[in-house]
Amino acid sequence: MSKDSKATKQKAKILSFVPTAEYYFSKGIKAYNRRDFHKAKKYFLRALQLEPGEPMITCQLAVLHTEMGDYQQSNRLLHSILEELDEELYECHYFLANNYAHLGLFKDAYHHANSYLQLEPFGEFLEDTEELLELLTLEVEDEDDDGFYEHDDLIVQQEQARDLLESGHFPKAIEVLNSIIDNYPEYWSAYNNLALAYFYPGEAEKAFEILNDVLQKNPGNLHAMCNRLVFAYYQQDLSEVSHLKAVLEKIKPLLVDHQYKLGTTFALIKEYELAYTWLRKLQKQGYDGESAFYYWLAYACYFTGHEQAASNAWKKVIEQNPEKAGFEPWSDNKGNYNGFEEHLPSIMKKMDSDYVEERLFAIFLTAVSTKREELLNSIQSKNYNKFSSLEREYLAWVKSVDETETYAAHEVAEILYQHHHPVGSVESGLYLMWFSVFVKIINEGLSIKNKQAWSAAVEYIWFHLRNEKVTQATQASKYGLSLATMQKYVKSVKNLLV
């Protein structure tokens, strides 16, 4: 061995590499610029773990949430910067102004845009902020607070209407939405929700009229087109479903809201491949939606063979809505737990309705619910002053559990329940119709002896309003009635509904 052999036998140096917050932040920026939002979010969050409270990282994460359409989370981060981390990071005001403008909260948008101009008169976003202010002032006749509060009130009303729709509170939803349309005749979202509020209780013709009006005044309105497809699907109008599906397949929207609407619409009509394309794309971009997003994503994943992704999405559903347990897309029991009769908040909201038919419907749902005792305890703890003697009598019967007595209104509803359960938004219309008829029957002193006939007639009218093809002869046969009896009761129901 040569004299120099020791030199060749020196130990190799191992250089340790410890990634820093700056390293992950840099990777996040690169992913963000590639519009790979899922990876960007992952890197920014890791950077914040390594350097908590760093305002620039937090700000960039907030901007990312804005790109992903999650304006509320972006605002939370931006406010935390100004209130806790660095009140002199003035560009946060510009980003907040943009977010509030997207949410329709124009007063807040105006406030933060002005704050940015005052605090950073020669800032990077000067021109953008001035342009935003011009757009904001077009939204109202002047720049006083009243004009902006008016628009904020619009958003609050729209959220209220959406809550009413989701809980099957259709008459009140219609009232709120008509009020919005009276004040904001070009606010198309209200029209689309109004169409849903009419369609679910069975007034399909009215719902289609509203959508046609939207599409005539605002051609290409994606939400209206999607709602038309859903309505056609429910009515089993296969040719219309095929036509509208072909049209919507060709649309490639850029807005997150439109991508989400397309994905959920395709999932609802069981076009799971198309649904998976849009919903999975949103997830890959880092979209972090509410329970409904993960619900439809789970179904789209499961029915396209992506079972692990479906399982992961369903975990998110259960985290946010534990009552959905048992309604997994792979469950043999799916559908048995998804009715209003098992959803206590919806029933209690109906109990507090201004409409007697909704309160009667809530009492019926209490009677058939597996959570009956819990509901009765909740009802007992409240003083429902608006209950009429009719409702108090019905509620007393439900509490009594005396099976030797009968309650005619409940018996008719139970006959309908044999054919239409669990009770979702679509089925709610049938029961609301029956309890509306029941109130008229009582007021006019009519008899409810032939309960099968009343059930058959109400269901027939409901089918007819939904444009579902059923003859009176078929309906009479289904309920074991003569055609003459069927015709007599259909006429009675029509007269009572006028």
Protein backbone atom coordinates (compact mmCIF):
# COMPACT_ATOMS: atom_id res chain seq x y z
CA MET A 1 0.00 0.00 0.00
CA SER A 2 1.41 3.41 -0.88
CA LYS A 3 2.33 6.13 1.61
CA ASP A 4 -0.64 8.18 0.49
CA SER A 5 -3.16 5.46 1.18
CA LYS A 6 -4.40 7.15 4.35
CA ALA A 7 -5.63 10.04 2.30
CA THR A 8 -7.87 7.78 0.31
CA LYS A 9 -9.33 6.27 3.45
CA GLN A 10 -10.63 9.52 4.96
CA LYS A 11 -14.17 9.20 6.22
CA ALA A 12 -16.88 10.76 4.04
CA LYS A 13 -18.53 13.78 5.57
CA ILE A 14 -22.33 13.50 6.09
CA LEU A 15 -24.01 16.85 5.64
CA SER A 16 -27.23 17.10 7.60
CA PHE A 17 -30.15 18.91 5.95
CA VAL A 18 -32.79 20.38 8.23
CA PRO A 19 -35.56 22.05 6.21
CA THR A 20 -36.49 25.47 7.54
CA ALA A 21 -39.68 27.50 7.40
CA GLU A 22 -38.12 29.50 4.58
CA TYR A 23 -37.50 26.26 2.64
CA TYR A 24 -41.14 25.15 2.87
CA PHE A 25 -42.40 28.68 2.20
CA SER A 26 -40.32 28.76 -1.02
CA LYS A 27 -41.71 25.38 -2.10
CA GLY A 28 -45.21 26.63 -1.31
CA ILE A 29 -44.73 29.70 -3.52
CA LYS A 30 -43.55 27.50 -6.40
CA ALA A 31 -46.56 25.20 -6.01
CA TYR A 32 -48.85 28.23 -5.78
CA ASN A 33 -47.43 29.67 -9.03
CA ARG A 34 -48.08 26.28 -10.71
CA ARG A 35 -51.64 26.52 -9.28
CA ASP A 36 -51.10 23.28 -7.39
CA PHE A 37 -53.06 24.63 -4.44
CA HIS A 38 -53.20 21.35 -2.51
CA LYS A 39 -49.39 21.14 -2.29
CA ALA A 40 -49.03 24.87 -1.69
CA LYS A 41 -51.36 24.65 1.31
CA LYS A 42 -49.41 21.69 2.68
CA TYR A 43 -46.09 23.56 2.42
CA PHE A 44 -47.40 26.81 3.89
CA LEU A 45 -48.91 24.97 6.87
CA ARG A 46 -45.59 23.16 7.44
CA ALA A 47 -43.75 26.50 7.28
CA LEU A 48 -46.12 27.90 9.92
CA GLN A 49 -45.47 24.88 12.15
CA LEU A 50 -41.75 25.63 12.02
CA GLU A 51 -42.21 29.37 12.47
CA PRO A 52 -45.57 30.02 14.18
CA GLY A 53 -46.91 33.53 13.97
CA GLU A 54 -44.81 34.58 10.98
CA PRO A 55 -47.08 37.22 9.35
CA MET A 56 -45.79 36.84 5.77
CA ILE A 57 -46.40 33.07 5.75
CA THR A 58 -49.83 33.56 7.32
CA CYS A 59 -50.66 36.23 4.73
CA GLN A 60 -49.64 33.98 1.84
CA LEU A 61 -51.79 31.17 3.26
CA ALA A 62 -54.71 33.62 3.43
CA VAL A 63 -54.20 34.57 -0.24
CA LEU A 64 -54.18 30.86 -1.09
CA HIS A 65 -57.53 30.38 0.68
CA THR A 66 -58.93 33.25 -1.40
CA GLU A 67 -57.81 31.50 -4.61
CA MET A 68 -59.52 28.33 -3.38
CA GLY A 69 -62.77 30.22 -2.79
CA ASP A 70 -62.64 29.90 1.01
CA TYR A 71 -63.08 33.61 1.74
CA GLN A 72 -64.14 33.14 5.36
CA GLN A 73 -60.98 31.26 6.35
CA SER A 74 -58.87 33.79 4.44
CA ASN A 75 -60.53 36.60 6.40
CA ARG A 76 -59.89 34.85 9.72
CA LEU A 77 -56.18 34.63 8.92
CA LEU A 78 -55.96 38.24 7.69
CA HIS A 79 -57.72 39.59 10.78
CA SER A 80 -55.41 37.54 13.01
CA ILE A 81 -52.40 39.16 11.32
CA LEU A 82 -53.70 42.71 11.86
CA GLU A 83 -54.92 42.05 15.41
CA GLU A 84 -52.15 39.80 16.76
CA LEU A 85 -49.08 39.57 14.50
CA ASP A 86 -48.32 42.75 12.54
CA GLU A 87 -50.78 45.62 12.39
CA GLU A 88 -48.49 47.36 9.86
CA LEU A 89 -48.87 44.65 7.20
CA TYR A 90 -51.24 47.03 5.41
CA GLU A 91 -51.78 44.88 2.30
CA CYS A 92 -54.00 42.70 4.50
CA HIS A 93 -56.62 45.46 4.22
CA TYR A 94 -56.54 45.16 0.42
CA PHE A 95 -56.96 41.37 0.57
CA LEU A 96 -59.80 41.74 3.09
CA ALA A 97 -61.53 44.26 0.81
CA ASN A 98 -61.42 41.77 -2.05
CA ASN A 99 -62.72 38.91 0.09
CA TYR A 100 -65.61 40.93 1.48
CA ALA A 101 -66.53 42.09 -2.03
CA HIS A 102 -66.68 38.44 -3.17
CA LEU A 103 -68.93 37.62 -0.20
CA GLY A 104 -71.22 40.53 -1.07
CA LEU A 105 -70.43 42.34 2.20
CA PHE A 106 -69.83 45.67 0.49
CA LYS A 107 -69.75 47.84 3.60
CA ASP A 108 -66.81 45.85 5.00
CA ALA A 109 -65.13 45.78 1.58
CA TYR A 110 -65.43 49.56 1.31
CA HIS A 111 -64.05 50.06 4.83
CA HIS A 112 -60.92 47.95 4.22
CA ALA A 113 -60.29 49.41 0.75
CA ASN A 114 -60.33 52.91 2.25
CA SER A 115 -58.10 51.78 5.11
CA TYR A 116 -55.52 50.50 2.65
CA LEU A 117 -55.49 53.79 0.70
CA GLN A 118 -55.10 55.82 3.89
CA LEU A 119 -52.35 53.62 5.37
CA GLU A 120 -50.47 52.87 2.13
CA PRO A 121 -51.12 55.83 -0.25
CA PHE A 122 -48.31 54.71 -2.63
CA GLY A 123 -48.69 50.98 -2.07
CA GLU A 124 -48.30 48.11 -4.51
CA PHE A 125 -52.07 47.62 -4.78
CA LEU A 126 -53.00 51.30 -5.18
CA GLU A 127 -54.53 51.03 -8.66
CA ASP A 128 -56.30 47.76 -7.88
CA THR A 129 -57.82 49.24 -4.73
CA GLU A 130 -59.03 52.37 -6.54
CA GLU A 131 -60.62 50.17 -9.21
CA LEU A 132 -62.30 48.05 -6.53
CA LEU A 133 -63.70 51.18 -4.86
CA GLU A 134 -65.17 52.30 -8.19
CA LEU A 135 -66.91 48.95 -8.55
CA LEU A 136 -68.18 49.08 -4.99
CA THR A 137 -69.65 52.55 -5.40
CA LEU A 138 -71.54 51.32 -8.45
CA GLU A 139 -73.31 48.85 -6.19
CA VAL A 140 -75.00 51.61 -4.23
CA GLU A 141 -76.30 55.04 -5.13
CA ASP A 142 -73.94 56.74 -2.68
CA GLU A 143 -71.17 55.83 -0.31
CA ASP A 144 -73.00 56.19 2.99
CA ASP A 145 -73.23 53.29 5.40
CA ASP A 146 -76.96 52.75 4.82
CA GLY A 147 -76.38 51.70 1.21
CA PHE A 148 -73.78 49.13 2.23
CA TYR A 149 -75.83 47.81 5.15
CA GLU A 150 -78.63 47.27 2.65
CA HIS A 151 -76.41 44.92 0.63
CA ASP A 152 -75.18 43.16 3.76
CA ASP A 153 -78.83 42.56 4.63
CA LEU A 154 -79.27 40.90 1.23
CA ILE A 155 -76.62 38.31 2.09
CA VAL A 156 -78.18 37.67 5.49
CA GLN A 157 -81.60 37.18 3.88
CA GLN A 158 -80.16 34.84 1.26
CA GLU A 159 -78.52 32.71 3.98
CA GLN A 160 -81.79 32.68 5.91
CA ALA A 161 -83.65 31.50 2.79
CA ARG A 162 -81.07 28.77 2.17
CA ASP A 163 -81.45 27.50 5.76
CA LEU A 164 -85.23 27.45 5.36
CA LEU A 165 -84.94 25.49 2.11
CA GLU A 166 -82.57 22.92 3.59
CA SER A 167 -84.93 22.30 6.50
CA GLY A 168 -88.00 21.95 4.23
CA HIS A 169 -89.54 25.22 5.45
CA PHE A 170 -90.87 26.10 1.98
CA PRO A 171 -93.67 28.68 2.57
CA LYS A 172 -91.38 30.85 4.70
CA ALA A 173 -88.50 30.42 2.23
CA ILE A 174 -90.76 31.58 -0.61
CA GLU A 175 -91.76 34.62 1.44
CA VAL A 176 -88.12 35.60 2.12
CA LEU A 177 -86.99 34.99 -1.48
CA ASN A 178 -89.86 37.01 -2.96
CA SER A 179 -88.88 39.86 -0.66
CA ILE A 180 -85.27 39.67 -1.93
CA ILE A 181 -86.43 39.68 -5.57
CA ASP A 182 -88.70 42.68 -4.97
CA ASN A 183 -85.71 44.66 -3.69
CA TYR A 184 -83.04 43.18 -6.00
CA PRO A 185 -84.72 42.19 -9.28
CA GLU A 186 -81.44 41.08 -10.88
CA TYR A 187 -80.17 38.94 -8.01
CA TRP A 188 -80.38 35.65 -9.92
CA SER A 189 -79.38 33.42 -7.02
CA ALA A 190 -82.66 34.30 -5.28
CA TYR A 191 -84.65 33.25 -8.38
CA ASN A 192 -82.85 29.89 -8.52
CA ASN A 193 -83.56 29.21 -4.87
CA LEU A 194 -87.17 30.33 -5.34
CA ALA A 195 -87.53 27.74 -8.11
CA LEU A 196 -86.33 25.06 -5.65
CA ALA A 197 -88.77 26.31 -3.00
CA TYR A 198 -91.67 25.78 -5.43
CA PHE A 199 -90.40 22.54 -6.97
CA TYR A 200 -89.92 20.53 -3.77
CA PRO A 201 -93.52 20.96 -2.51
CA GLY A 202 -94.76 19.90 -5.96
CA GLU A 203 -95.33 23.13 -7.89
CA ALA A 204 -93.13 22.07 -10.81
CA GLU A 205 -94.84 24.29 -13.39
CA LYS A 206 -94.20 27.40 -11.29
CA ALA A 207 -90.59 26.33 -10.71
CA PHE A 208 -89.95 25.90 -14.46
CA GLU A 209 -91.51 29.29 -15.19
CA ILE A 210 -89.02 30.92 -12.80
CA LEU A 211 -86.02 29.14 -14.33
CA ASN A 212 -87.14 30.00 -17.86
CA ASP A 213 -87.45 33.63 -16.81
CA VAL A 214 -83.89 33.57 -15.40
CA LEU A 215 -82.46 32.00 -18.56
CA GLN A 216 -84.29 34.50 -20.76
CA LYS A 217 -83.02 37.51 -18.80
CA ASN A 218 -79.61 36.04 -17.93
CA PRO A 219 -78.73 33.53 -20.70
CA GLY A 220 -76.25 30.84 -19.73
CA ASN A 221 -76.95 31.10 -15.98
CA LEU A 222 -75.25 27.88 -14.85
CA HIS A 223 -77.23 27.44 -11.64
CA ALA A 224 -80.52 27.71 -13.52
CA MET A 225 -79.37 25.16 -16.10
CA CYS A 226 -78.24 22.76 -13.37
CA ASN A 227 -81.56 23.14 -11.53
CA ARG A 228 -83.45 22.40 -14.74
CA LEU A 229 -81.46 19.19 -15.11
CA VAL A 230 -82.24 18.16 -11.53
CA PHE A 231 -85.95 18.90 -12.01
CA ALA A 232 -86.03 16.88 -15.24
CA TYR A 233 -84.29 14.00 -13.47
CA TYR A 234 -86.84 13.96 -10.63
CA GLN A 235 -89.67 14.02 -13.17
CA GLN A 236 -88.05 11.17 -15.12
CA ASP A 237 -88.05 13.25 -18.30
CA LEU A 238 -85.27 11.20 -19.91
CA SER A 239 -85.03 13.15 -23.17
CA GLU A 240 -84.65 16.46 -21.31
CA VAL A 241 -82.10 14.91 -18.94
CA SER A 242 -80.08 13.65 -21.91
CA HIS A 243 -80.21 17.04 -23.66
CA LEU A 244 -79.25 19.12 -20.60
CA LYS A 245 -76.53 16.69 -19.54
CA ALA A 246 -74.95 16.96 -23.01
CA VAL A 247 -75.00 20.77 -22.77
CA LEU A 248 -73.50 20.87 -19.27
CA GLU A 249 -70.80 18.32 -20.12
CA LYS A 250 -69.32 20.83 -22.59
CA ILE A 251 -69.11 23.64 -20.04
CA LYS A 252 -65.68 24.11 -18.42
CA PRO A 253 -66.19 26.80 -15.75
CA LEU A 254 -63.29 28.62 -14.11
CA LEU A 255 -65.10 29.75 -10.95
CA VAL A 256 -64.90 27.41 -7.96
CA ASP A 257 -68.60 27.95 -7.21
CA HIS A 258 -69.57 26.85 -10.73
CA GLN A 259 -67.29 23.81 -10.63
CA TYR A 260 -68.86 22.79 -7.32
CA LYS A 261 -72.40 23.26 -8.69
CA LEU A 262 -71.63 21.11 -11.73
CA GLY A 263 -70.04 18.37 -9.62
CA THR A 264 -72.89 18.14 -7.13
CA THR A 265 -75.52 18.30 -9.89
CA PHE A 266 -73.96 15.37 -11.74
CA ALA A 267 -73.70 13.42 -8.47
CA LEU A 268 -77.35 14.09 -7.67
CA ILE A 269 -78.49 12.63 -11.00
CA LYS A 270 -76.10 9.67 -10.46
CA GLU A 271 -73.68 10.62 -13.25
CA TYR A 272 -70.83 9.75 -10.94
CA GLU A 273 -67.97 9.78 -13.49
CA LEU A 274 -68.74 13.39 -14.38
CA ALA A 275 -69.25 14.27 -10.73
CA TYR A 276 -65.92 12.69 -9.80
CA THR A 277 -64.10 14.75 -12.46
CA TRP A 278 -65.21 18.09 -10.98
CA LEU A 279 -65.31 17.29 -7.26
CA ARG A 280 -61.95 15.50 -7.24
CA LYS A 281 -60.44 18.40 -9.20
CA LEU A 282 -61.63 20.81 -6.52
CA GLN A 283 -60.21 18.59 -3.80
CA LYS A 284 -56.82 18.39 -5.56
CA GLN A 285 -56.77 22.19 -5.76
CA GLY A 286 -57.13 22.24 -1.98
CA TYR A 287 -60.86 23.09 -1.81
CA ASP A 288 -61.99 22.45 1.74
CA GLY A 289 -65.76 22.65 1.64
CA GLU A 290 -68.54 21.92 4.07
CA SER A 291 -70.15 18.55 4.79
CA ALA A 292 -72.22 18.58 1.56
CA PHE A 293 -69.06 18.74 -0.57
CA TYR A 294 -67.55 15.67 1.09
CA TYR A 295 -70.91 13.89 1.01
CA TRP A 296 -71.15 14.08 -2.78
CA LEU A 297 -67.42 13.52 -3.19
CA ALA A 298 -67.72 10.27 -1.19
CA TYR A 299 -70.55 9.07 -3.44
CA ALA A 300 -68.71 10.05 -6.62
CA CYS A 301 -65.53 8.30 -5.44
CA TYR A 302 -67.28 5.14 -4.29
CA PHE A 303 -69.34 4.61 -7.43
CA THR A 304 -66.29 5.15 -9.67
CA GLY A 305 -64.20 2.56 -7.83
CA HIS A 306 -62.11 4.92 -5.66
CA GLU A 307 -63.09 3.29 -2.38
CA GLN A 308 -60.25 4.57 -0.19
CA ALA A 309 -60.87 8.16 -1.35
CA ALA A 310 -64.58 7.63 -0.62
CA SER A 311 -63.77 6.42 2.90
CA ASN A 312 -61.53 9.44 3.55
CA ALA A 313 -64.20 11.84 2.29
CA TRP A 314 -66.86 10.16 4.43
CA LYS A 315 -64.75 10.67 7.56
CA LYS A 316 -65.02 14.42 6.87
CA VAL A 317 -68.81 14.11 6.56
CA ILE A 318 -69.11 12.38 9.94
CA GLU A 319 -66.78 14.90 11.60
CA GLN A 320 -69.14 17.72 10.61
CA ASN A 321 -72.46 15.82 10.65
CA PRO A 322 -72.41 12.77 12.99
CA GLU A 323 -76.10 12.10 12.26
CA LYS A 324 -75.12 10.98 8.73
CA ALA A 325 -73.69 7.76 10.20
CA GLY A 326 -75.44 4.83 8.52
CA PHE A 327 -75.91 6.69 5.26
CA GLU A 328 -72.57 5.77 3.68
CA PRO A 329 -72.69 5.09 -0.08
CA TRP A 330 -71.61 1.49 0.61
CA SER A 331 -74.22 0.89 3.33
CA ASP A 332 -77.11 -1.51 2.68
CA ASN A 333 -79.21 0.73 4.91
CA LYS A 334 -78.47 3.99 3.10
CA GLY A 335 -81.54 6.16 2.89
CA ASN A 336 -83.16 4.80 6.04
CA TYR A 337 -81.60 7.49 8.22
CA ASN A 338 -81.74 10.51 5.97
CA GLY A 339 -85.22 11.87 6.50
CA PHE A 340 -86.42 14.98 8.27
CA GLU A 341 -88.05 12.63 10.80
CA GLU A 342 -84.56 11.90 12.18
CA HIS A 343 -83.28 15.46 12.10
CA LEU A 344 -84.22 17.25 15.31
CA PRO A 345 -83.19 20.81 14.32
CA SER A 346 -85.40 20.65 11.20
CA ILE A 347 -88.40 19.44 13.20
CA MET A 348 -87.96 22.06 15.91
CA LYS A 349 -87.65 24.79 13.26
CA LYS A 350 -90.95 23.64 11.74
CA MET A 351 -92.53 23.66 15.21
CA ASP A 352 -91.77 27.37 15.37
CA SER A 353 -93.16 28.13 11.91
CA ASP A 354 -95.70 30.87 11.22
CA TYR A 355 -97.71 28.38 9.14
CA VAL A 356 -100.12 25.95 10.78
CA GLU A 357 -99.56 23.22 8.15
CA GLU A 358 -95.82 23.21 8.92
CA ARG A 359 -96.43 22.94 12.65
CA LEU A 360 -98.82 20.01 12.10
CA PHE A 361 -96.23 18.42 9.82
CA ALA A 362 -93.63 18.80 12.60
CA ILE A 363 -95.94 17.02 15.06
CA PHE A 364 -96.37 14.17 12.55
CA LEU A 365 -92.59 13.89 12.10
CA THR A 366 -92.24 13.74 15.89
CA ALA A 367 -94.74 10.86 16.03
CA VAL A 368 -92.87 8.73 13.44
CA SER A 369 -89.34 9.64 14.54
CA THR A 370 -87.09 7.16 16.37
CA LYS A 371 -86.15 10.20 18.49
CA ARG A 372 -89.77 10.74 19.54
CA GLU A 373 -89.17 11.00 23.31
CA GLU A 374 -86.26 13.40 22.88
CA LEU A 375 -88.39 15.59 20.62
CA LEU A 376 -91.35 15.54 23.02
CA ASN A 377 -89.05 16.61 25.87
CA SER A 378 -87.73 19.49 23.73
CA ILE A 379 -91.27 20.55 22.83
CA GLN A 380 -92.36 20.40 26.47
CA SER A 381 -89.49 22.71 27.48
CA LYS A 382 -90.79 25.39 25.11
CA ASN A 383 -93.98 27.38 25.32
CA TYR A 384 -95.51 27.37 21.84
CA ASN A 385 -98.04 30.18 22.19
CA LYS A 386 -98.86 30.12 18.50
CA PHE A 387 -100.25 26.56 18.67
CA SER A 388 -103.98 26.42 17.94
CA SER A 389 -106.38 24.07 19.77
CA LEU A 390 -106.10 21.78 16.71
CA GLU A 391 -102.34 21.45 17.11
CA ARG A 392 -102.53 21.05 20.90
CA GLU A 393 -105.06 18.25 20.44
CA TYR A 394 -102.82 16.47 17.91
CA LEU A 395 -99.74 16.86 20.12
CA ALA A 396 -101.65 15.53 23.16
CA TRP A 397 -102.63 12.47 21.10
CA VAL A 398 -98.98 11.88 20.10
CA LYS A 399 -97.90 12.14 23.75
CA SER A 400 -100.65 9.84 25.02
CA VAL A 401 -99.52 6.67 23.16
CA ASP A 402 -103.07 5.39 23.66
CA GLU A 403 -103.48 3.02 20.73
CA THR A 404 -107.19 2.55 21.40
CA GLU A 405 -107.80 6.08 20.12
CA THR A 406 -107.14 7.31 16.60
CA TYR A 407 -106.40 10.71 15.12
CA ALA A 408 -107.71 11.03 11.56
CA ALA A 409 -105.16 13.56 10.27
CA HIS A 410 -102.32 11.38 11.51
CA GLU A 411 -103.80 8.23 10.00
CA VAL A 412 -103.97 9.80 6.53
CA ALA A 413 -100.39 11.02 6.86
CA GLU A 414 -99.32 7.53 7.98
CA ILE A 415 -100.92 6.00 4.87
CA LEU A 416 -98.89 8.42 2.76
CA TYR A 417 -95.81 7.58 4.85
CA GLN A 418 -96.07 3.93 3.80
CA HIS A 419 -95.42 5.05 0.22
CA HIS A 420 -93.19 8.11 0.79
CA HIS A 421 -90.44 7.70 3.36
CA PRO A 422 -87.94 8.75 4.53
CA VAL A 423 -89.20 12.32 4.33
CA GLY A 424 -86.80 14.49 2.34
CA SER A 425 -87.23 17.89 0.71
CA VAL A 426 -89.21 16.44 -2.21
CA GLU A 427 -91.59 14.41 -0.04
CA SER A 428 -92.20 17.30 2.36
CA GLY A 429 -94.44 18.94 -0.21
CA LEU A 430 -96.84 16.00 -0.12
CA TYR A 431 -97.29 16.17 3.66
CA LEU A 432 -97.58 19.95 3.68
CA MET A 433 -100.32 19.62 1.08
CA TRP A 434 -102.18 17.09 3.20
CA PHE A 435 -102.04 19.18 6.39
CA SER A 436 -103.18 22.27 4.43
CA VAL A 437 -106.15 20.22 3.20
CA PHE A 438 -106.77 18.90 6.73
CA VAL A 439 -107.05 22.43 8.17
CA LYS A 440 -109.60 23.32 5.47
CA ILE A 441 -111.54 20.09 6.17
CA ILE A 442 -111.80 20.98 9.86
CA ASN A 443 -112.76 24.60 9.14
CA GLU A 444 -115.53 23.49 6.77
CA GLY A 445 -116.79 20.70 9.01
CA LEU A 446 -116.15 17.90 6.49
CA SER A 447 -115.64 14.22 7.29
CA ILE A 448 -112.34 12.31 7.19
CA LYS A 449 -113.89 8.85 7.46
CA ASN A 450 -112.54 7.49 4.17
CA LYS A 451 -108.84 7.93 4.94
CA GLN A 452 -107.63 5.86 1.96
CA ALA A 453 -109.60 8.12 -0.39
CA TRP A 454 -108.18 11.33 1.10
CA SER A 455 -104.66 9.86 0.87
CA ALA A 456 -105.14 8.77 -2.74
CA ALA A 457 -106.59 12.12 -3.81
CA VAL A 458 -103.88 14.24 -2.14
CA GLU A 459 -101.14 12.04 -3.60
CA TYR A 460 -102.74 12.22 -7.05
CA ILE A 461 -102.85 16.05 -6.96
CA TRP A 462 -99.23 16.12 -5.74
CA PHE A 463 -98.16 13.84 -8.62
CA HIS A 464 -100.11 16.01 -11.05
CA LEU A 465 -98.42 19.22 -9.83
CA ARG A 466 -95.03 17.54 -10.27
CA ASN A 467 -95.97 16.58 -13.85
CA GLU A 468 -95.68 12.89 -12.96
CA LYS A 469 -97.93 10.86 -15.22
CA VAL A 470 -100.50 8.92 -13.23
CA THR A 471 -104.17 8.35 -14.04
CA GLN A 472 -107.05 8.49 -11.57
CA ALA A 473 -107.86 4.88 -12.47
CA THR A 474 -104.33 3.75 -11.56
CA GLN A 475 -104.49 5.70 -8.32
CA ALA A 476 -107.91 4.23 -7.44
CA SER A 477 -106.56 0.71 -8.01
CA LYS A 478 -103.47 1.43 -5.87
CA TYR A 479 -105.65 2.43 -2.90
CA GLY A 480 -108.46 -0.09 -3.42
CA LEU A 481 -111.07 2.50 -4.39
CA SER A 482 -113.72 2.71 -7.08
CA LEU A 483 -113.03 5.21 -9.86
CA ALA A 484 -116.13 7.18 -8.87
CA THR A 485 -114.88 7.55 -5.27
CA MET A 486 -111.48 8.58 -6.55
CA GLN A 487 -112.96 11.26 -8.79
CA LYS A 488 -115.15 12.56 -5.96
CA TYR A 489 -112.23 13.03 -3.56
CA VAL A 490 -109.91 14.52 -6.18
CA LYS A 491 -112.58 17.13 -6.83
CA SER A 492 -112.86 17.80 -3.06
CA VAL A 493 -109.10 18.25 -2.67
CA LYS A 494 -108.94 20.62 -5.65
CA ASN A 495 -111.77 22.72 -4.19
CA LEU A 496 -110.07 22.87 -0.79
CA LEU A 497 -106.73 23.92 -2.27
CA VAL A 498 -108.18 26.84 -4.22
